[in-house]
N, C-alpha and C. Protein backbone atom coordinates (compact mmCIF):
# COMPACT_ATOMS: atom_id res chain seq x y z
N MET A 1 0.84 -1.18 0.00
CA MET A 1 0.00 0.00 0.00
C MET A 1 0.88 1.24 0.00
N GLN A 2 0.43 2.26 -0.67
CA GLN A 2 1.14 3.53 -0.72
C GLN A 2 0.23 4.57 -0.10
N GLU A 3 0.70 5.29 0.93
CA GLU A 3 -0.16 6.23 1.63
C GLU A 3 0.22 7.68 1.39
N GLY A 4 0.41 8.07 0.13
CA GLY A 4 0.80 9.43 -0.21
C GLY A 4 -0.33 10.42 -0.02
N GLY A 5 -0.03 11.57 0.55
CA GLY A 5 -0.99 12.65 0.68
C GLY A 5 -1.99 12.50 1.80
N LEU A 6 -1.77 11.59 2.73
CA LEU A 6 -2.71 11.42 3.84
C LEU A 6 -2.29 12.27 5.04
N LEU A 7 -3.25 12.61 5.87
CA LEU A 7 -2.94 13.24 7.14
C LEU A 7 -2.22 12.24 8.03
N GLY A 8 -1.51 12.73 9.01
CA GLY A 8 -0.71 11.86 9.87
C GLY A 8 -1.48 10.73 10.51
N ASN A 9 -2.66 11.04 11.04
CA ASN A 9 -3.44 9.99 11.71
C ASN A 9 -3.93 8.93 10.71
N ASP A 10 -4.28 9.35 9.50
CA ASP A 10 -4.71 8.39 8.47
C ASP A 10 -3.54 7.52 8.04
N ALA A 11 -2.37 8.14 7.88
CA ALA A 11 -1.18 7.39 7.50
C ALA A 11 -0.81 6.38 8.58
N LEU A 12 -1.02 6.74 9.83
CA LEU A 12 -0.75 5.81 10.93
C LEU A 12 -1.69 4.62 10.86
N HIS A 13 -2.96 4.86 10.56
CA HIS A 13 -3.91 3.75 10.39
C HIS A 13 -3.45 2.81 9.29
N VAL A 14 -3.02 3.38 8.16
CA VAL A 14 -2.58 2.56 7.04
C VAL A 14 -1.32 1.78 7.42
N ALA A 15 -0.40 2.41 8.12
CA ALA A 15 0.83 1.73 8.54
C ALA A 15 0.51 0.55 9.46
N CYS A 16 -0.41 0.75 10.38
CA CYS A 16 -0.81 -0.35 11.29
C CYS A 16 -1.50 -1.46 10.51
N MET A 17 -2.32 -1.08 9.53
CA MET A 17 -2.99 -2.07 8.70
C MET A 17 -1.98 -2.90 7.93
N GLU A 18 -0.96 -2.23 7.37
CA GLU A 18 0.09 -2.95 6.65
C GLU A 18 0.82 -3.91 7.57
N GLU A 19 1.13 -3.46 8.77
CA GLU A 19 1.87 -4.28 9.74
C GLU A 19 1.10 -5.56 10.08
N HIS A 20 -0.22 -5.47 10.09
CA HIS A 20 -1.06 -6.61 10.49
C HIS A 20 -1.77 -7.27 9.31
N SER A 21 -1.32 -6.95 8.09
CA SER A 21 -1.87 -7.54 6.86
C SER A 21 -3.39 -7.37 6.75
N ILE A 22 -3.86 -6.18 7.06
CA ILE A 22 -5.28 -5.84 6.93
C ILE A 22 -5.44 -5.04 5.65
N GLY A 23 -6.29 -5.50 4.74
CA GLY A 23 -6.42 -4.86 3.44
C GLY A 23 -7.72 -4.11 3.22
N THR A 24 -8.60 -4.10 4.23
CA THR A 24 -9.90 -3.44 4.09
C THR A 24 -10.13 -2.51 5.27
N ILE A 25 -10.65 -1.31 4.98
CA ILE A 25 -11.01 -0.37 6.03
C ILE A 25 -12.47 0.02 5.85
N VAL A 26 -13.17 0.19 6.96
CA VAL A 26 -14.57 0.63 6.95
C VAL A 26 -14.58 2.08 7.41
N THR A 27 -14.94 2.99 6.50
CA THR A 27 -14.87 4.41 6.80
C THR A 27 -15.67 5.22 5.80
N TYR A 28 -16.03 6.44 6.19
CA TYR A 28 -16.61 7.41 5.26
C TYR A 28 -15.53 8.34 4.71
N ASP A 29 -14.32 8.25 5.23
CA ASP A 29 -13.22 9.15 4.85
C ASP A 29 -12.72 8.83 3.44
N ARG A 30 -12.97 9.72 2.50
CA ARG A 30 -12.59 9.50 1.11
C ARG A 30 -11.09 9.61 0.88
N ASP A 31 -10.35 10.15 1.84
CA ASP A 31 -8.90 10.28 1.68
C ASP A 31 -8.23 8.93 1.52
N PHE A 32 -8.82 7.89 2.06
CA PHE A 32 -8.21 6.56 1.95
C PHE A 32 -8.23 6.03 0.52
N SER A 33 -9.01 6.65 -0.35
CA SER A 33 -9.02 6.23 -1.75
C SER A 33 -7.68 6.53 -2.43
N ARG A 34 -6.86 7.34 -1.81
CA ARG A 34 -5.51 7.64 -2.32
C ARG A 34 -4.53 6.50 -2.10
N VAL A 35 -4.91 5.54 -1.29
CA VAL A 35 -4.03 4.43 -0.93
C VAL A 35 -4.26 3.29 -1.91
N SER A 36 -3.23 3.00 -2.70
CA SER A 36 -3.37 1.90 -3.66
C SER A 36 -3.38 0.56 -2.94
N GLY A 37 -4.21 -0.34 -3.41
CA GLY A 37 -4.27 -1.68 -2.84
C GLY A 37 -5.14 -1.80 -1.60
N LEU A 38 -5.82 -0.72 -1.22
CA LEU A 38 -6.66 -0.74 -0.03
C LEU A 38 -8.12 -0.83 -0.45
N LYS A 39 -8.85 -1.77 0.12
CA LYS A 39 -10.28 -1.90 -0.16
C LYS A 39 -11.02 -1.06 0.88
N ILE A 40 -11.96 -0.22 0.40
CA ILE A 40 -12.69 0.66 1.29
C ILE A 40 -14.16 0.27 1.28
N ARG A 41 -14.71 0.13 2.48
CA ARG A 41 -16.15 -0.17 2.65
C ARG A 41 -16.75 0.97 3.46
N LYS A 42 -17.98 1.36 3.15
CA LYS A 42 -18.69 2.36 3.93
C LYS A 42 -19.45 1.64 5.05
N PRO A 43 -19.56 2.27 6.21
CA PRO A 43 -20.30 1.64 7.32
C PRO A 43 -21.71 1.21 6.92
N ASP A 44 -22.35 1.97 6.03
CA ASP A 44 -23.70 1.61 5.59
C ASP A 44 -23.75 0.30 4.84
N ASP A 45 -22.61 -0.11 4.26
CA ASP A 45 -22.53 -1.34 3.49
C ASP A 45 -22.43 -2.59 4.36
N ILE A 46 -22.13 -2.37 5.63
CA ILE A 46 -21.94 -3.49 6.55
C ILE A 46 -23.28 -3.83 7.18
N GLY A 47 -23.72 -5.05 7.00
CA GLY A 47 -25.04 -5.46 7.46
C GLY A 47 -25.04 -5.84 8.86
């Protein structure tokens, strides 16, 4: 994953996800779309 252009706290989330091999995040934050290889789900999509 590449976390270019993210705020520090978002980049920290991505770094922790990489460390633990987590490839999906549930969020409304569109900034995560800048991260290649990251699957983004909206909370509304989770049943």
